[in-house]
Structure formats: C-alpha cells, structure tokens
N, C-alpha and C. Protein backbone atom coordinates (compact mmCIF):
# COMPACT_ATOMS: atom_id res chain seq x y z
N MET A 1 232.17 -148.19 8.02
CA MET A 1 233.10 -147.64 7.44
C MET A 1 233.00 -146.73 6.44
N LEU A 2 231.95 -147.29 5.47
CA LEU A 2 231.57 -146.53 4.19
C LEU A 2 230.79 -145.37 4.50
N ASP A 3 230.01 -145.61 5.80
CA ASP A 3 229.05 -144.48 6.27
C ASP A 3 230.36 -143.11 6.54
N LYS A 4 231.17 -143.80 7.34
CA LYS A 4 232.20 -142.71 7.77
C LYS A 4 232.81 -141.82 6.64
N MET A 5 232.99 -142.76 5.48
CA MET A 5 233.70 -142.04 4.07
C MET A 5 232.75 -141.24 3.70
N LYS A 6 231.29 -141.56 3.41
CA LYS A 6 230.45 -140.68 2.92
C LYS A 6 230.37 -139.52 3.64
N ALA A 7 230.17 -139.58 4.89
CA ALA A 7 230.13 -138.23 5.80
C ALA A 7 231.42 -137.43 5.75
N LEU A 8 232.54 -138.11 5.54
CA LEU A 8 233.71 -137.23 5.34
C LEU A 8 233.63 -136.53 4.06
N ILE A 9 233.14 -137.18 3.00
CA ILE A 9 233.05 -136.32 1.76
C ILE A 9 231.87 -135.24 1.71
N HIS A 10 231.08 -135.83 2.13
CA HIS A 10 229.84 -134.76 2.38
C HIS A 10 230.44 -133.37 3.09
N TRP A 11 231.27 -133.65 4.15
CA TRP A 11 231.69 -132.65 5.01
C TRP A 11 232.72 -131.96 4.03
N TYR A 12 233.42 -132.59 3.29
CA TYR A 12 234.54 -131.87 2.56
C TYR A 12 233.87 -130.85 1.52
N GLU A 13 232.80 -131.37 0.81
CA GLU A 13 232.01 -130.72 -0.26
C GLU A 13 231.25 -129.44 0.58
N GLU A 14 230.85 -129.86 1.80
CA GLU A 14 230.36 -128.64 2.32
C GLU A 14 231.28 -127.46 2.59
N VAL A 15 232.24 -127.66 3.14
CA VAL A 15 233.58 -127.16 3.38
C VAL A 15 234.06 -126.13 2.11
N LEU A 16 234.17 -126.91 1.11
CA LEU A 16 234.32 -126.22 -0.20
C LEU A 16 233.38 -125.29 -0.71
N SER A 17 232.34 -125.50 -0.57
CA SER A 17 231.20 -124.85 -1.20
C SER A 17 230.79 -123.85 -0.48
N MET A 18 231.15 -123.71 0.92
CA MET A 18 230.44 -122.75 1.92
C MET A 18 230.62 -121.04 1.61
N PRO A 19 232.02 -120.89 1.09
CA PRO A 19 232.48 -119.67 0.91
C PRO A 19 231.80 -119.11 -0.41
N HIS A 20 231.03 -120.09 -1.23
CA HIS A 20 230.63 -119.43 -2.39
C HIS A 20 229.34 -119.51 -2.59
N ARG A 21 228.75 -120.32 -1.58
CA ARG A 21 227.19 -120.13 -2.01
C ARG A 21 226.49 -118.69 -1.91
N ARG A 22 227.20 -117.93 -1.49
CA ARG A 22 226.61 -116.45 -1.83
C ARG A 22 226.74 -115.95 -3.04
N GLU A 23 228.11 -116.24 -3.76
CA GLU A 23 228.36 -115.97 -4.96
C GLU A 23 227.44 -116.75 -6.17
N VAL A 24 227.27 -118.11 -5.69
CA VAL A 24 226.45 -118.81 -6.44
C VAL A 24 224.96 -118.25 -6.40
N ALA A 25 224.42 -118.17 -5.33
CA ALA A 25 223.29 -117.53 -5.31
C ALA A 25 223.00 -116.18 -5.96
N SER A 26 223.80 -115.27 -6.14
CA SER A 26 224.29 -114.01 -6.50
C SER A 26 223.87 -114.16 -8.15
N GLU A 27 224.72 -115.09 -8.60
CA GLU A 27 224.88 -115.46 -10.18
C GLU A 27 223.38 -116.00 -10.72
N LEU A 28 222.92 -116.84 -9.83
CA LEU A 28 221.57 -117.34 -10.21
C LEU A 28 220.53 -116.42 -10.33
N ARG A 29 220.46 -115.34 -9.48
CA ARG A 29 219.54 -114.40 -9.23
C ARG A 29 219.81 -113.10 -10.61
N ASP A 30 221.08 -113.15 -10.93
CA ASP A 30 221.59 -112.33 -11.99
C ASP A 30 220.70 -113.11 -13.21
N GLU A 31 221.07 -114.30 -13.50
CA GLU A 31 220.48 -114.93 -14.47
C GLU A 31 218.99 -115.04 -14.55
N ASP A 32 218.29 -115.24 -13.64
CA ASP A 32 216.81 -114.71 -13.41
C ASP A 32 216.63 -113.48 -13.94
N ASP A 33 217.19 -112.33 -13.68
CA ASP A 33 216.75 -111.12 -13.74
C ASP A 33 216.89 -110.86 -15.58
N LEU A 34 218.03 -111.40 -15.76
CA LEU A 34 218.45 -111.48 -17.03
C LEU A 34 217.49 -112.00 -18.02
N PHE A 35 216.85 -112.98 -17.71
CA PHE A 35 215.80 -113.70 -18.25
C PHE A 35 214.56 -113.04 -18.29
N MET A 36 214.15 -112.22 -17.13
CA MET A 36 213.13 -111.52 -16.92
C MET A 36 213.19 -110.34 -17.96
N LEU A 37 214.30 -109.68 -18.21
CA LEU A 37 214.59 -108.94 -18.79
C LEU A 37 214.16 -109.23 -20.49
N LEU A 38 214.52 -110.42 -20.74
CA LEU A 38 214.41 -110.89 -21.97
C LEU A 38 212.71 -111.14 -22.38
N LEU A 39 212.20 -111.80 -21.39
CA LEU A 39 210.84 -112.06 -21.34
C LEU A 39 210.10 -110.74 -21.45
N TYR A 40 210.26 -109.78 -20.64
CA TYR A 40 209.40 -108.39 -20.67
C TYR A 40 210.15 -107.41 -21.47
N SER A 41 210.74 -107.62 -22.20
CA SER A 41 211.41 -106.58 -22.95
C SER A 41 210.69 -106.00 -23.72
N GLU A 42 209.80 -106.57 -24.71
CA GLU A 42 208.74 -105.86 -25.52
C GLU A 42 208.03 -104.81 -24.65
N MET A 43 207.57 -105.17 -23.41
CA MET A 43 206.55 -104.23 -22.66
C MET A 43 207.51 -102.95 -22.20
N ILE A 44 208.66 -102.92 -22.06
CA ILE A 44 209.58 -101.58 -21.71
C ILE A 44 210.19 -101.01 -22.87
N GLY A 45 209.85 -101.38 -23.97
CA GLY A 45 210.10 -100.65 -25.33
C GLY A 45 211.15 -101.32 -26.10
N ILE A 46 211.94 -102.34 -25.37
CA ILE A 46 213.03 -103.06 -26.23
C ILE A 46 212.39 -104.06 -27.05
N PRO A 47 212.75 -103.74 -28.56
CA PRO A 47 212.16 -104.88 -29.49
C PRO A 47 212.64 -106.21 -29.16
N ASN A 48 211.86 -107.12 -29.24
CA ASN A 48 211.92 -108.51 -28.96
C ASN A 48 211.54 -109.48 -30.20
N PRO A 49 212.49 -110.04 -31.01
CA PRO A 49 212.00 -110.80 -31.92
C PRO A 49 211.20 -112.06 -31.62
N VAL A 50 211.59 -112.58 -30.48
CA VAL A 50 210.67 -113.80 -30.14
C VAL A 50 209.43 -113.49 -29.31
N TYR A 51 209.00 -112.38 -29.14
CA TYR A 51 207.94 -111.90 -28.34
C TYR A 51 206.72 -112.73 -28.33
N TYR A 52 206.41 -112.94 -29.75
CA TYR A 52 205.17 -114.18 -29.83
C TYR A 52 205.29 -115.25 -29.00
N TYR A 53 206.34 -115.89 -28.80
CA TYR A 53 206.72 -117.22 -28.12
C TYR A 53 206.92 -116.86 -26.65
N THR A 54 207.47 -115.87 -26.24
CA THR A 54 207.51 -115.58 -24.87
C THR A 54 206.25 -115.05 -24.31
N LEU A 55 205.27 -114.84 -24.94
CA LEU A 55 203.94 -114.52 -24.38
C LEU A 55 203.41 -115.90 -23.91
N GLU A 56 203.74 -117.10 -24.12
CA GLU A 56 203.24 -118.46 -23.60
C GLU A 56 203.91 -118.66 -22.25
N LEU A 57 204.88 -117.82 -21.96
CA LEU A 57 205.61 -118.28 -20.70
C LEU A 57 205.07 -117.30 -19.45
N TYR A 58 204.08 -116.23 -19.77
CA TYR A 58 203.76 -115.33 -18.84
C TYR A 58 202.92 -115.94 -17.85
N PRO A 59 202.04 -116.85 -18.07
CA PRO A 59 201.37 -117.46 -17.12
C PRO A 59 202.45 -118.52 -16.06
N TYR A 60 203.56 -118.89 -16.51
CA TYR A 60 204.25 -119.52 -15.36
C TYR A 60 205.33 -118.59 -14.91
N MET A 61 205.38 -117.40 -15.35
CA MET A 61 206.44 -116.50 -14.63
C MET A 61 205.67 -115.34 -14.15
N ILE A 62 204.68 -115.22 -13.85
CA ILE A 62 203.70 -114.16 -13.14
C ILE A 62 204.32 -113.97 -12.01
N GLU A 63 204.33 -115.21 -11.18
CA GLU A 63 204.64 -115.21 -9.82
C GLU A 63 206.21 -114.52 -9.62
N LYS A 64 207.06 -115.19 -10.14
CA LYS A 64 208.38 -114.74 -10.49
C LYS A 64 208.57 -113.31 -10.65
N PHE A 65 207.96 -112.62 -11.64
CA PHE A 65 207.73 -111.42 -11.83
C PHE A 65 207.28 -110.60 -10.69
N HIS A 66 206.39 -110.95 -9.85
CA HIS A 66 205.80 -110.53 -8.70
C HIS A 66 207.07 -110.49 -7.52
N ASP A 67 207.56 -111.52 -7.62
CA ASP A 67 208.72 -111.68 -6.41
C ASP A 67 210.02 -110.74 -6.96
N TRP A 68 210.23 -110.40 -8.45
CA TRP A 68 210.98 -109.71 -8.56
C TRP A 68 211.11 -108.38 -8.38
N HIS A 69 209.60 -107.91 -8.76
CA HIS A 69 209.39 -106.10 -8.54
C HIS A 69 209.29 -105.97 -7.10
N LEU A 70 209.01 -106.87 -6.05
CA LEU A 70 209.06 -106.62 -5.07
C LEU A 70 210.32 -106.67 -4.37
N ARG A 71 211.29 -107.61 -5.01
CA ARG A 71 212.62 -107.41 -4.68
C ARG A 71 213.58 -106.20 -4.95
N MET A 72 213.09 -105.47 -5.97
CA MET A 72 213.63 -104.32 -6.45
C MET A 72 213.07 -103.16 -5.71
N GLY A 73 212.23 -103.25 -4.87
CA GLY A 73 211.65 -102.56 -3.95
C GLY A 73 210.49 -101.52 -4.72
N MET A 74 209.84 -102.28 -5.65
CA MET A 74 208.45 -101.78 -6.32
C MET A 74 207.50 -102.42 -5.67
N GLU A 75 206.38 -101.53 -4.98
CA GLU A 75 205.41 -102.02 -4.18
C GLU A 75 204.38 -102.74 -5.49
N LYS A 76 204.01 -101.98 -6.75
CA LYS A 76 203.20 -102.27 -7.63
C LYS A 76 204.21 -102.80 -9.04
N SER A 77 203.36 -103.46 -9.72
CA SER A 77 204.16 -103.52 -11.12
C SER A 77 204.55 -102.50 -11.94
N PRO A 78 205.59 -102.50 -12.16
CA PRO A 78 206.26 -101.30 -13.09
C PRO A 78 205.69 -101.25 -14.44
N LEU A 79 204.91 -102.38 -14.86
CA LEU A 79 204.68 -102.05 -16.35
C LEU A 79 203.36 -101.59 -16.19
N SER A 80 202.76 -100.82 -17.11
CA SER A 80 201.40 -100.50 -17.23
C SER A 80 200.67 -101.63 -17.99
N GLY A 81 199.46 -101.90 -17.52
CA GLY A 81 198.68 -102.63 -18.36
C GLY A 81 199.20 -104.22 -17.95
N PHE A 82 199.77 -104.54 -17.13
CA PHE A 82 200.39 -105.79 -16.78
C PHE A 82 200.14 -105.85 -15.37
N ARG A 83 199.30 -106.56 -14.90
CA ARG A 83 199.05 -106.65 -13.38
C ARG A 83 199.34 -108.02 -12.68
N CYS A 84 200.00 -107.89 -11.75
CA CYS A 84 200.37 -109.13 -11.10
C CYS A 84 199.96 -109.16 -9.72
N CYS A 85 199.64 -107.99 -8.81
CA CYS A 85 199.35 -107.86 -7.63
C CYS A 85 198.01 -106.99 -7.53
C-alpha cells in the first residue's frame, strides 16, 4: 500500500511539473547566461568591480563558456585573447 501511495505521489508530481519543465529549463539557462555576462563583463568592456575575484572562476567556467558560445551560434570564442577551443 505504501509503495502504491509513493507511486501515486510521484505520478502526481510528474503531472504537475510536466508543462513547466521547458519554462524552468529556460529560466535556468537565462540565469546561467546572466552569470556568464557578469563573469566575463570586463572582457567586453563593461566595468566589473569584482573582476579580481571572478578571475579565480575562469578555470571552472571555461567549459560552460565554450558551451555557451556554441549555443549562441559562434564557432570560435567571441572574446579576443581568450581561447577556449
């Protein structure tokens, strides 16, 4: 009986979240894009007061940056002096 209740609750949660999965994924992607903009803003000419601290994140974000510029339709990195591929 407990397993059937768990299955019913799982099914109910799936039904509720199904129409919103695309919206949630889109929101997460927008947040990632905003974070990338904040991280690389100094390279595109936007002053970033925390640039010194964001430098430490570059090694961890390089793969996400590569995925981002490919998703945006750019075969090569749009930033000069910053190679990721």
